[in-house]
């Protein structure tokens, strides 16, 4: 099992964490947000948090945190704080730019710990001896993994069920001076099943499913109920050689052994697979776990 944390961020920093909150710098701006897994005490005093934070997410009263860590509330902004801004991420020849924004569910459009998976995807695509590898990104959100695959030269299909998120992803693609990602507004499981019927093949598959979700036509997604069916379908889409797969899960309480069992149970010959946790370290040296993963190349 591996414990991985980003090594290449200049535009992100976890400053402090604790008391179910985190204080983070995204580019020029510092945000204060709820964090259900930061159960320890803060290192910095409250006054320091108040001074440093350019924006503070105020959680709605009497609302429990969802099992995927989502909160609902509102942002309280200092006068100089914009509602949208850009940050950058660089790894080798990959130079990505992201438009961030303050959403009503505390998210800002990026999960910084996922840069470890972006690096893996970039390296995997560049190592495939195919002129233009085909990569499928499911539950693709604002497209960090899609941008990494495209920057490495892949033909990318980006699938998400929310139109506004697809528009956000397109903005990130354009900001990164990339083009020609295929945008698919559809339920992920429905799309994958259709691709299986078409006998489509991909050199790379990326999955980042939420605990719960809805498709554009009201399709219901429950991770525990449908992940096995999805993995089975994806196993028919992945090329048997010169291919890779990345599975990331945010569900609180899930072990990385679950991700490893899903990969090893549905994909043949993933001997070089690696699994574990992605985390961020704050300035006091506390490690904040944020997601689990399993991935392999063959």
C-alpha atoms as a PDB file:
ATOM      1  CA  UNK A   1       0.000   0.000   0.000  1.00  0.00           C
ATOM      2  CA  UNK A   2       1.241   3.485  -0.905  1.00  0.00           C
ATOM      3  CA  UNK A   3       0.626   6.843   0.754  1.00  0.00           C
ATOM      4  CA  UNK A   4       1.058   9.585  -1.843  1.00  0.00           C
ATOM      5  CA  UNK A   5       1.034  13.372  -1.565  1.00  0.00           C
ATOM      6  CA  UNK A   6       1.629  15.992  -4.293  1.00  0.00           C
ATOM      7  CA  UNK A   7       5.200  17.130  -4.957  1.00  0.00           C
ATOM      8  CA  UNK A   8       4.750  19.585  -7.831  1.00  0.00           C
ATOM      9  CA  UNK A   9       2.308  22.256  -6.620  1.00  0.00           C
ATOM     10  CA  UNK A  10       3.385  25.889  -6.508  1.00  0.00           C
ATOM     11  CA  UNK A  11      -0.167  27.270  -6.596  1.00  0.00           C
ATOM     12  CA  UNK A  12      -1.547  25.163  -3.749  1.00  0.00           C
ATOM     13  CA  UNK A  13      -0.723  24.805  -0.062  1.00  0.00           C
ATOM     14  CA  UNK A  14      -2.555  23.236   2.889  1.00  0.00           C
ATOM     15  CA  UNK A  15      -1.674  25.771   5.564  1.00  0.00           C
ATOM     16  CA  UNK A  16      -3.464  24.271   8.573  1.00  0.00           C
ATOM     17  CA  UNK A  17      -6.160  21.735   9.428  1.00  0.00           C
ATOM     18  CA  UNK A  18      -8.181  20.691  12.442  1.00  0.00           C
ATOM     19  CA  UNK A  19     -11.502  21.113  14.278  1.00  0.00           C
ATOM     20  CA  UNK A  20     -13.211  19.799  11.098  1.00  0.00           C
ATOM     21  CA  UNK A  21     -11.800  22.596   8.911  1.00  0.00           C
ATOM     22  CA  UNK A  22      -8.900  23.272   6.558  1.00  0.00           C
ATOM     23  CA  UNK A  23      -7.089  26.467   5.615  1.00  0.00           C
ATOM     24  CA  UNK A  24      -5.752  26.342   2.037  1.00  0.00           C
ATOM     25  CA  UNK A  25      -3.968  28.633  -0.397  1.00  0.00           C
ATOM     26  CA  UNK A  26      -5.046  28.423  -4.048  1.00  0.00           C
ATOM     27  CA  UNK A  27      -2.770  30.744  -5.986  1.00  0.00           C
ATOM     28  CA  UNK A  28      -3.058  34.224  -4.447  1.00  0.00           C
ATOM     29  CA  UNK A  29      -6.089  33.456  -2.291  1.00  0.00           C
ATOM     30  CA  UNK A  30      -6.582  31.557   0.958  1.00  0.00           C
ATOM     31  CA  UNK A  31      -9.820  29.689   1.680  1.00  0.00           C
ATOM     32  CA  UNK A  32     -11.325  28.320   4.871  1.00  0.00           C
ATOM     33  CA  UNK A  33     -13.556  25.285   4.322  1.00  0.00           C
ATOM     34  CA  UNK A  34     -15.133  22.421   6.287  1.00  0.00           C
ATOM     35  CA  UNK A  35     -13.167  19.166   6.339  1.00  0.00           C
ATOM     36  CA  UNK A  36     -14.954  16.253   8.069  1.00  0.00           C
ATOM     37  CA  UNK A  37     -11.780  14.162   8.386  1.00  0.00           C
ATOM     38  CA  UNK A  38      -9.726  16.823  10.212  1.00  0.00           C
ATOM     39  CA  UNK A  39     -10.750  15.579  13.657  1.00  0.00           C
ATOM     40  CA  UNK A  40      -7.604  16.834  15.460  1.00  0.00           C
ATOM     41  CA  UNK A  41      -7.036  20.317  16.890  1.00  0.00           C
ATOM     42  CA  UNK A  42      -5.766  23.205  14.781  1.00  0.00           C
ATOM     43  CA  UNK A  43      -2.156  24.291  14.979  1.00  0.00           C
ATOM     44  CA  UNK A  44      -2.732  28.004  14.342  1.00  0.00           C
ATOM     45  CA  UNK A  45      -4.876  30.197  16.617  1.00  0.00           C
ATOM     46  CA  UNK A  46      -8.357  31.241  15.497  1.00  0.00           C
ATOM     47  CA  UNK A  47      -7.247  34.844  14.930  1.00  0.00           C
ATOM     48  CA  UNK A  48      -4.653  33.629  12.416  1.00  0.00           C
ATOM     49  CA  UNK A  49      -7.308  31.709  10.508  1.00  0.00           C
ATOM     50  CA  UNK A  50      -9.536  34.795  10.425  1.00  0.00           C
ATOM     51  CA  UNK A  51      -6.674  36.997   9.254  1.00  0.00           C
ATOM     52  CA  UNK A  52      -5.407  34.680   6.519  1.00  0.00           C
ATOM     53  CA  UNK A  53      -8.731  33.558   5.018  1.00  0.00           C
ATOM     54  CA  UNK A  54      -9.879  35.578   1.999  1.00  0.00           C
ATOM     55  CA  UNK A  55     -13.074  33.520   1.834  1.00  0.00           C
ATOM     56  CA  UNK A  56     -14.872  31.422   4.449  1.00  0.00           C
ATOM     57  CA  UNK A  57     -17.432  28.715   3.695  1.00  0.00           C
ATOM     58  CA  UNK A  58     -20.243  28.883   6.241  1.00  0.00           C
ATOM     59  CA  UNK A  59     -22.022  25.562   6.500  1.00  0.00           C
ATOM     60  CA  UNK A  60     -25.808  25.524   6.749  1.00  0.00           C
ATOM     61  CA  UNK A  61     -27.006  24.928  10.283  1.00  0.00           C
ATOM     62  CA  UNK A  62     -28.516  21.552  11.178  1.00  0.00           C
ATOM     63  CA  UNK A  63     -27.199  19.932   7.999  1.00  0.00           C
ATOM     64  CA  UNK A  64     -25.132  16.761   8.286  1.00  0.00           C
ATOM     65  CA  UNK A  65     -22.090  16.152   6.128  1.00  0.00           C
ATOM     66  CA  UNK A  66     -22.836  13.744   3.271  1.00  0.00           C
ATOM     67  CA  UNK A  67     -20.927  10.469   3.082  1.00  0.00           C
ATOM     68  CA  UNK A  68     -18.862  11.856   0.177  1.00  0.00           C
ATOM     69  CA  UNK A  69     -17.812  14.878   2.243  1.00  0.00           C
ATOM     70  CA  UNK A  70     -20.124  17.352   0.506  1.00  0.00           C
ATOM     71  CA  UNK A  71     -21.492  20.297   2.483  1.00  0.00           C
ATOM     72  CA  UNK A  72     -24.073  22.945   1.584  1.00  0.00           C
ATOM     73  CA  UNK A  73     -23.792  26.554   2.656  1.00  0.00           C
ATOM     74  CA  UNK A  74     -22.514  29.939   1.508  1.00  0.00           C
ATOM     75  CA  UNK A  75     -19.205  31.728   1.021  1.00  0.00           C
ATOM     76  CA  UNK A  76     -18.388  34.860   2.991  1.00  0.00           C
ATOM     77  CA  UNK A  77     -15.854  36.925   1.028  1.00  0.00           C
ATOM     78  CA  UNK A  78     -13.490  39.708   1.942  1.00  0.00           C
ATOM     79  CA  UNK A  79     -13.809  42.728  -0.359  1.00  0.00           C
ATOM     80  CA  UNK A  80     -10.784  41.901  -2.538  1.00  0.00           C
ATOM     81  CA  UNK A  81     -11.758  38.241  -3.049  1.00  0.00           C
ATOM     82  CA  UNK A  82     -13.015  37.366  -6.576  1.00  0.00           C
ATOM     83  CA  UNK A  83     -15.538  34.591  -7.171  1.00  0.00           C
ATOM     84  CA  UNK A  84     -13.374  33.171 -10.001  1.00  0.00           C
ATOM     85  CA  UNK A  85      -9.613  33.056 -10.603  1.00  0.00           C
ATOM     86  CA  UNK A  86      -6.924  30.963 -12.327  1.00  0.00           C
ATOM     87  CA  UNK A  87      -4.189  28.699 -10.963  1.00  0.00           C
ATOM     88  CA  UNK A  88      -1.550  26.592 -12.729  1.00  0.00           C
ATOM     89  CA  UNK A  89      -0.021  23.136 -12.358  1.00  0.00           C
ATOM     90  CA  UNK A  90       3.181  21.943 -14.078  1.00  0.00           C
ATOM     91  CA  UNK A  91       4.711  18.470 -14.376  1.00  0.00           C
ATOM     92  CA  UNK A  92       7.416  17.687 -16.953  1.00  0.00           C
ATOM     93  CA  UNK A  93       6.089  19.153 -20.230  1.00  0.00           C
ATOM     94  CA  UNK A  94       2.493  19.242 -18.914  1.00  0.00           C
ATOM     95  CA  UNK A  95       1.345  22.791 -18.160  1.00  0.00           C
ATOM     96  CA  UNK A  96      -2.243  22.983 -16.968  1.00  0.00           C
ATOM     97  CA  UNK A  97      -4.403  25.948 -16.000  1.00  0.00           C
ATOM     98  CA  UNK A  98      -7.619  25.769 -13.992  1.00  0.00           C
ATOM     99  CA  UNK A  99     -10.422  28.252 -13.535  1.00  0.00           C
ATOM    100  CA  UNK A 100     -11.488  28.066  -9.896  1.00  0.00           C
ATOM    101  CA  UNK A 101     -14.839  29.197  -8.516  1.00  0.00           C
ATOM    102  CA  UNK A 102     -16.724  29.195  -5.218  1.00  0.00           C
ATOM    103  CA  UNK A 103     -19.613  26.706  -5.305  1.00  0.00           C
ATOM    104  CA  UNK A 104     -22.500  26.264  -2.874  1.00  0.00           C
ATOM    105  CA  UNK A 105     -21.150  22.801  -1.944  1.00  0.00           C
ATOM    106  CA  UNK A 106     -17.772  24.164  -0.692  1.00  0.00           C
ATOM    107  CA  UNK A 107     -15.867  22.868  -3.737  1.00  0.00           C
ATOM    108  CA  UNK A 108     -13.747  25.174  -5.899  1.00  0.00           C
ATOM    109  CA  UNK A 109     -13.353  23.041  -9.041  1.00  0.00           C
ATOM    110  CA  UNK A 110     -10.191  21.140  -8.220  1.00  0.00           C
ATOM    111  CA  UNK A 111      -8.971  18.443  -5.834  1.00  0.00           C
ATOM    112  CA  UNK A 112      -5.248  19.184  -5.391  1.00  0.00           C
ATOM    113  CA  UNK A 113      -4.294  15.699  -4.173  1.00  0.00           C
ATOM    114  CA  UNK A 114      -5.405  14.324  -7.551  1.00  0.00           C
ATOM    115  CA  UNK A 115      -2.301  15.781  -9.165  1.00  0.00           C
ATOM    116  CA  UNK A 116      -0.576  12.519  -8.211  1.00  0.00           C
ATOM    117  CA  UNK A 117      -3.004  10.716 -10.511  1.00  0.00           C
ATOM    118  CA  UNK A 118      -2.568  13.361 -13.238  1.00  0.00           C
ATOM    119  CA  UNK A 119       1.173  12.694 -13.229  1.00  0.00           C
ATOM    120  CA  UNK A 120       0.546   8.953 -13.460  1.00  0.00           C
ATOM    121  CA  UNK A 121      -1.880   9.437 -16.367  1.00  0.00           C
ATOM    122  CA  UNK A 122       0.538  11.708 -18.226  1.00  0.00           C
ATOM    123  CA  UNK A 123       3.373   9.194 -17.846  1.00  0.00           C
ATOM    124  CA  UNK A 124       1.135   6.254 -18.776  1.00  0.00           C
ATOM    125  CA  UNK A 125      -0.116   7.884 -21.986  1.00  0.00           C
ATOM    126  CA  UNK A 126       3.355   8.968 -23.095  1.00  0.00           C
ATOM    127  CA  UNK A 127       4.582   5.408 -22.501  1.00  0.00           C
ATOM    128  CA  UNK A 128       1.973   3.738 -24.737  1.00  0.00           C
ATOM    129  CA  UNK A 129       3.431   2.728 -28.153  1.00  0.00           C
ATOM    130  CA  UNK A 130       0.341   3.916 -30.024  1.00  0.00           C
ATOM    131  CA  UNK A 131       0.291   7.111 -32.078  1.00  0.00           C
ATOM    132  CA  UNK A 132      -2.896   8.464 -30.466  1.00  0.00           C
ATOM    133  CA  UNK A 133      -4.065   6.429 -27.460  1.00  0.00           C
ATOM    134  CA  UNK A 134      -7.780   6.614 -26.658  1.00  0.00           C
ATOM    135  CA  UNK A 135      -8.591   7.511 -23.054  1.00  0.00           C
ATOM    136  CA  UNK A 136     -11.993   7.447 -21.347  1.00  0.00           C
ATOM    137  CA  UNK A 137     -12.558   9.624 -18.264  1.00  0.00           C
ATOM    138  CA  UNK A 138     -15.738   8.773 -16.333  1.00  0.00           C
ATOM    139  CA  UNK A 139     -17.335  11.033 -13.702  1.00  0.00           C
ATOM    140  CA  UNK A 140     -14.766  13.474 -15.074  1.00  0.00           C
ATOM    141  CA  UNK A 141     -15.823  16.634 -13.160  1.00  0.00           C
ATOM    142  CA  UNK A 142     -13.799  19.710 -14.222  1.00  0.00           C
ATOM    143  CA  UNK A 143     -11.303  17.654 -16.162  1.00  0.00           C
ATOM    144  CA  UNK A 144      -7.906  17.562 -14.458  1.00  0.00           C
ATOM    145  CA  UNK A 145      -7.378  13.954 -15.549  1.00  0.00           C
ATOM    146  CA  UNK A 146      -8.735  14.701 -19.032  1.00  0.00           C
ATOM    147  CA  UNK A 147      -6.284  17.581 -19.428  1.00  0.00           C
ATOM    148  CA  UNK A 148      -3.384  15.388 -18.290  1.00  0.00           C
ATOM    149  CA  UNK A 149      -4.251  12.717 -20.858  1.00  0.00           C
ATOM    150  CA  UNK A 150      -4.763  15.271 -23.638  1.00  0.00           C
ATOM    151  CA  UNK A 151      -1.485  17.039 -22.790  1.00  0.00           C
ATOM    152  CA  UNK A 152       0.267  13.683 -23.236  1.00  0.00           C
ATOM    153  CA  UNK A 153      -1.240  13.248 -26.716  1.00  0.00           C
ATOM    154  CA  UNK A 154      -4.339  11.127 -26.087  1.00  0.00           C
ATOM    155  CA  UNK A 155      -7.723  11.235 -27.800  1.00  0.00           C
ATOM    156  CA  UNK A 156      -9.891  11.916 -24.737  1.00  0.00           C
ATOM    157  CA  UNK A 157     -13.590  11.216 -24.115  1.00  0.00           C
ATOM    158  CA  UNK A 158     -14.749  13.151 -21.043  1.00  0.00           C
ATOM    159  CA  UNK A 159     -18.023  11.903 -19.508  1.00  0.00           C
ATOM    160  CA  UNK A 160     -20.027  13.756 -16.869  1.00  0.00           C
ATOM    161  CA  UNK A 161     -23.736  14.097 -16.117  1.00  0.00           C
ATOM    162  CA  UNK A 162     -23.782  17.849 -15.318  1.00  0.00           C
ATOM    163  CA  UNK A 163     -23.814  20.329 -18.209  1.00  0.00           C
ATOM    164  CA  UNK A 164     -22.363  23.186 -16.135  1.00  0.00           C
ATOM    165  CA  UNK A 165     -19.413  20.968 -15.183  1.00  0.00           C
ATOM    166  CA  UNK A 166     -18.750  20.157 -18.845  1.00  0.00           C
ATOM    167  CA  UNK A 167     -18.692  23.887 -19.605  1.00  0.00           C
ATOM    168  CA  UNK A 168     -16.243  24.395 -16.733  1.00  0.00           C
ATOM    169  CA  UNK A 169     -14.050  21.601 -18.101  1.00  0.00           C
ATOM    170  CA  UNK A 170     -14.030  23.237 -21.516  1.00  0.00           C
ATOM    171  CA  UNK A 171     -12.864  26.487 -19.957  1.00  0.00           C
ATOM    172  CA  UNK A 172      -9.988  24.623 -18.293  1.00  0.00           C
ATOM    173  CA  UNK A 173      -9.060  23.000 -21.608  1.00  0.00           C
ATOM    174  CA  UNK A 174      -8.976  26.368 -23.360  1.00  0.00           C
ATOM    175  CA  UNK A 175      -7.032  27.988 -20.505  1.00  0.00           C
ATOM    176  CA  UNK A 176      -4.466  25.180 -20.856  1.00  0.00           C
ATOM    177  CA  UNK A 177      -4.117  25.797 -24.623  1.00  0.00           C
ATOM    178  CA  UNK A 178      -5.464  22.323 -25.407  1.00  0.00           C
ATOM    179  CA  UNK A 179      -8.231  21.318 -27.795  1.00  0.00           C
ATOM    180  CA  UNK A 180     -10.462  18.580 -29.183  1.00  0.00           C
ATOM    181  CA  UNK A 181     -11.524  16.792 -26.006  1.00  0.00           C
ATOM    182  CA  UNK A 182     -14.782  14.936 -26.678  1.00  0.00           C
ATOM    183  CA  UNK A 183     -17.463  16.130 -24.238  1.00  0.00           C
ATOM    184  CA  UNK A 184     -20.170  13.596 -23.333  1.00  0.00           C
ATOM    185  CA  UNK A 185     -23.178  14.648 -21.239  1.00  0.00           C
ATOM    186  CA  UNK A 186     -24.488  11.275 -20.101  1.00  0.00           C
ATOM    187  CA  UNK A 187     -24.878   8.821 -17.271  1.00  0.00           C
ATOM    188  CA  UNK A 188     -21.515   7.031 -16.981  1.00  0.00           C
ATOM    189  CA  UNK A 189     -22.865   3.503 -16.634  1.00  0.00           C
ATOM    190  CA  UNK A 190     -25.266   3.941 -19.555  1.00  0.00           C
ATOM    191  CA  UNK A 191     -22.442   5.310 -21.736  1.00  0.00           C
ATOM    192  CA  UNK A 192     -20.060   2.472 -20.857  1.00  0.00           C
ATOM    193  CA  UNK A 193     -22.660  -0.207 -21.615  1.00  0.00           C
ATOM    194  CA  UNK A 194     -23.268   1.340 -25.040  1.00  0.00           C
ATOM    195  CA  UNK A 195     -19.527   1.439 -25.740  1.00  0.00           C
ATOM    196  CA  UNK A 196     -19.328  -2.275 -24.881  1.00  0.00           C
ATOM    197  CA  UNK A 197     -22.093  -3.025 -27.399  1.00  0.00           C
ATOM    198  CA  UNK A 198     -20.171  -1.035 -30.008  1.00  0.00           C
ATOM    199  CA  UNK A 199     -17.040  -3.094 -29.182  1.00  0.00           C
ATOM    200  CA  UNK A 200     -15.117   0.114 -28.554  1.00  0.00           C
ATOM    201  CA  UNK A 201     -11.617  -0.174 -27.028  1.00  0.00           C
ATOM    202  CA  UNK A 202      -9.566   2.296 -24.994  1.00  0.00           C
ATOM    203  CA  UNK A 203      -5.901   2.378 -24.022  1.00  0.00           C
ATOM    204  CA  UNK A 204      -6.782   4.174 -20.795  1.00  0.00           C
ATOM    205  CA  UNK A 205      -9.788   4.284 -18.455  1.00  0.00           C
ATOM    206  CA  UNK A 206     -10.087   6.719 -15.544  1.00  0.00           C
ATOM    207  CA  UNK A 207     -12.883   6.378 -12.987  1.00  0.00           C
ATOM    208  CA  UNK A 208     -13.657   8.806 -10.168  1.00  0.00           C
ATOM    209  CA  UNK A 209     -17.202   7.870  -9.096  1.00  0.00           C
ATOM    210  CA  UNK A 210     -19.026   9.695  -6.278  1.00  0.00           C
ATOM    211  CA  UNK A 211     -20.903   7.963  -3.482  1.00  0.00           C
ATOM    212  CA  UNK A 212     -24.209   9.178  -4.879  1.00  0.00           C
ATOM    213  CA  UNK A 213     -25.209  10.959  -8.052  1.00  0.00           C
ATOM    214  CA  UNK A 214     -27.808  11.568 -10.725  1.00  0.00           C
ATOM    215  CA  UNK A 215     -27.554  11.229 -14.484  1.00  0.00           C
ATOM    216  CA  UNK A 216     -28.864  13.928 -16.835  1.00  0.00           C
ATOM    217  CA  UNK A 217     -32.154  12.016 -17.200  1.00  0.00           C
ATOM    218  CA  UNK A 218     -32.508  11.300 -13.482  1.00  0.00           C
ATOM    219  CA  UNK A 219     -30.571   8.026 -13.490  1.00  0.00           C
ATOM    220  CA  UNK A 220     -29.619   7.125  -9.923  1.00  0.00           C
ATOM    221  CA  UNK A 221     -26.019   6.251  -9.025  1.00  0.00           C
ATOM    222  CA  UNK A 222     -25.219   4.518  -5.722  1.00  0.00           C
ATOM    223  CA  UNK A 223     -21.574   3.495  -5.487  1.00  0.00           C
ATOM    224  CA  UNK A 224     -21.983   0.348  -3.396  1.00  0.00           C
ATOM    225  CA  UNK A 225     -24.834  -0.924  -5.583  1.00  0.00           C
ATOM    226  CA  UNK A 226     -23.401  -0.214  -9.033  1.00  0.00           C
ATOM    227  CA  UNK A 227     -19.606  -0.078  -8.893  1.00  0.00           C
ATOM    228  CA  UNK A 228     -19.218  -3.800  -9.606  1.00  0.00           C
ATOM    229  CA  UNK A 229     -21.423  -3.541 -12.696  1.00  0.00           C
ATOM    230  CA  UNK A 230     -19.460  -0.540 -13.912  1.00  0.00           C
ATOM    231  CA  UNK A 231     -16.092  -2.238 -13.397  1.00  0.00           C
ATOM    232  CA  UNK A 232     -17.294  -5.330 -15.235  1.00  0.00           C
ATOM    233  CA  UNK A 233     -18.337  -3.218 -18.236  1.00  0.00           C
ATOM    234  CA  UNK A 234     -15.074  -1.223 -18.200  1.00  0.00           C
ATOM    235  CA  UNK A 235     -13.063  -4.435 -18.224  1.00  0.00           C
ATOM    236  CA  UNK A 236     -14.447  -5.139 -21.714  1.00  0.00           C
ATOM    237  CA  UNK A 237     -13.405  -1.698 -22.970  1.00  0.00           C
ATOM    238  CA  UNK A 238      -9.755  -1.694 -21.920  1.00  0.00           C
ATOM    239  CA  UNK A 239      -7.163  -2.958 -24.393  1.00  0.00           C
ATOM    240  CA  UNK A 240      -5.453  -6.120 -23.076  1.00  0.00           C
ATOM    241  CA  UNK A 241      -1.980  -4.706 -23.755  1.00  0.00           C
ATOM    242  CA  UNK A 242      -0.346  -1.255 -23.691  1.00  0.00           C
ATOM    243  CA  UNK A 243      -3.096   0.159 -21.483  1.00  0.00           C
ATOM    244  CA  UNK A 244      -3.740   1.602 -18.041  1.00  0.00           C
ATOM    245  CA  UNK A 245      -6.558   2.146 -15.557  1.00  0.00           C
ATOM    246  CA  UNK A 246      -6.981   4.538 -12.628  1.00  0.00           C
ATOM    247  CA  UNK A 247      -9.739   4.118 -10.038  1.00  0.00           C
ATOM    248  CA  UNK A 248     -10.211   6.831  -7.423  1.00  0.00           C
ATOM    249  CA  UNK A 249     -12.809   6.770  -4.641  1.00  0.00           C
ATOM    250  CA  UNK A 250     -13.756   9.556  -2.232  1.00  0.00           C
ATOM    251  CA  UNK A 251     -16.302   7.673  -0.132  1.00  0.00           C
ATOM    252  CA  UNK A 252     -15.545   8.205   3.531  1.00  0.00           C
ATOM    253  CA  UNK A 253     -14.883   4.940   5.329  1.00  0.00           C
ATOM    254  CA  UNK A 254     -13.788   3.021   2.220  1.00  0.00           C
ATOM    255  CA  UNK A 255     -10.491   1.133   2.422  1.00  0.00           C
ATOM    256  CA  UNK A 256      -7.984   1.146  -0.427  1.00  0.00           C
ATOM    257  CA  UNK A 257      -8.244  -2.652  -0.276  1.00  0.00           C
ATOM    258  CA  UNK A 258     -11.728  -2.269  -1.764  1.00  0.00           C
ATOM    259  CA  UNK A 259     -10.310  -0.392  -4.747  1.00  0.00           C
ATOM    260  CA  UNK A 260      -7.589  -3.033  -5.110  1.00  0.00           C
ATOM    261  CA  UNK A 261     -10.128  -5.863  -5.022  1.00  0.00           C
ATOM    262  CA  UNK A 262     -12.257  -4.141  -7.680  1.00  0.00           C
ATOM    263  CA  UNK A 263      -9.295  -3.720 -10.017  1.00  0.00           C
ATOM    264  CA  UNK A 264      -7.810  -7.185  -9.486  1.00  0.00           C
ATOM    265  CA  UNK A 265     -11.232  -8.836  -9.723  1.00  0.00           C
ATOM    266  CA  UNK A 266     -12.281  -7.343 -13.055  1.00  0.00           C
ATOM    267  CA  UNK A 267      -9.089  -6.716 -15.024  1.00  0.00           C
ATOM    268  CA  UNK A 268      -6.756  -9.456 -16.212  1.00  0.00           C
ATOM    269  CA  UNK A 269      -2.999  -9.252 -15.601  1.00  0.00           C
ATOM    270  CA  UNK A 270      -2.797  -6.093 -13.459  1.00  0.00           C
ATOM    271  CA  UNK A 271       0.299  -7.466 -11.684  1.00  0.00           C
ATOM    272  CA  UNK A 272       2.003  -4.081 -11.470  1.00  0.00           C
ATOM    273  CA  UNK A 273      -0.986  -2.399  -9.841  1.00  0.00           C
ATOM    274  CA  UNK A 274      -0.505  -0.018  -6.940  1.00  0.00           C
ATOM    275  CA  UNK A 275      -3.061   1.074  -4.393  1.00  0.00           C
ATOM    276  CA  UNK A 276      -3.253   3.285  -1.339  1.00  0.00           C
ATOM    277  CA  UNK A 277      -4.298   6.737  -0.161  1.00  0.00           C
ATOM    278  CA  UNK A 278      -3.841  10.263  -1.452  1.00  0.00           C
ATOM    279  CA  UNK A 279      -3.286  12.864   1.231  1.00  0.00           C
ATOM    280  CA  UNK A 280      -2.199  16.443   1.838  1.00  0.00           C
ATOM    281  CA  UNK A 281       0.225  17.607   4.548  1.00  0.00           C
ATOM    282  CA  UNK A 282      -0.308  20.865   6.401  1.00  0.00           C
ATOM    283  CA  UNK A 283       2.455  23.123   7.697  1.00  0.00           C
ATOM    284  CA  UNK A 284       2.373  21.403  11.084  1.00  0.00           C
ATOM    285  CA  UNK A 285       3.082  18.028   9.483  1.00  0.00           C
ATOM    286  CA  UNK A 286      -0.376  16.501   9.932  1.00  0.00           C
ATOM    287  CA  UNK A 287      -1.429  14.282   7.028  1.00  0.00           C
ATOM    288  CA  UNK A 288      -5.023  14.747   5.864  1.00  0.00           C
ATOM    289  CA  UNK A 289      -6.376  11.649   4.017  1.00  0.00           C
ATOM    290  CA  UNK A 290      -8.619  12.578   1.114  1.00  0.00           C
ATOM    291  CA  UNK A 291      -9.144   9.653  -1.265  1.00  0.00           C
ATOM    292  CA  UNK A 292      -8.180   6.072  -2.002  1.00  0.00           C
ATOM    293  CA  UNK A 293      -6.935   4.746  -5.338  1.00  0.00           C
ATOM    294  CA  UNK A 294      -5.864   1.707  -7.298  1.00  0.00           C
ATOM    295  CA  UNK A 295      -4.130   1.941 -10.670  1.00  0.00           C
ATOM    296  CA  UNK A 296      -2.088  -0.168 -13.050  1.00  0.00           C
ATOM    297  CA  UNK A 297      -0.322  -0.186 -16.406  1.00  0.00           C
ATOM    298  CA  UNK A 298       0.210  -3.178 -18.643  1.00  0.00           C
END
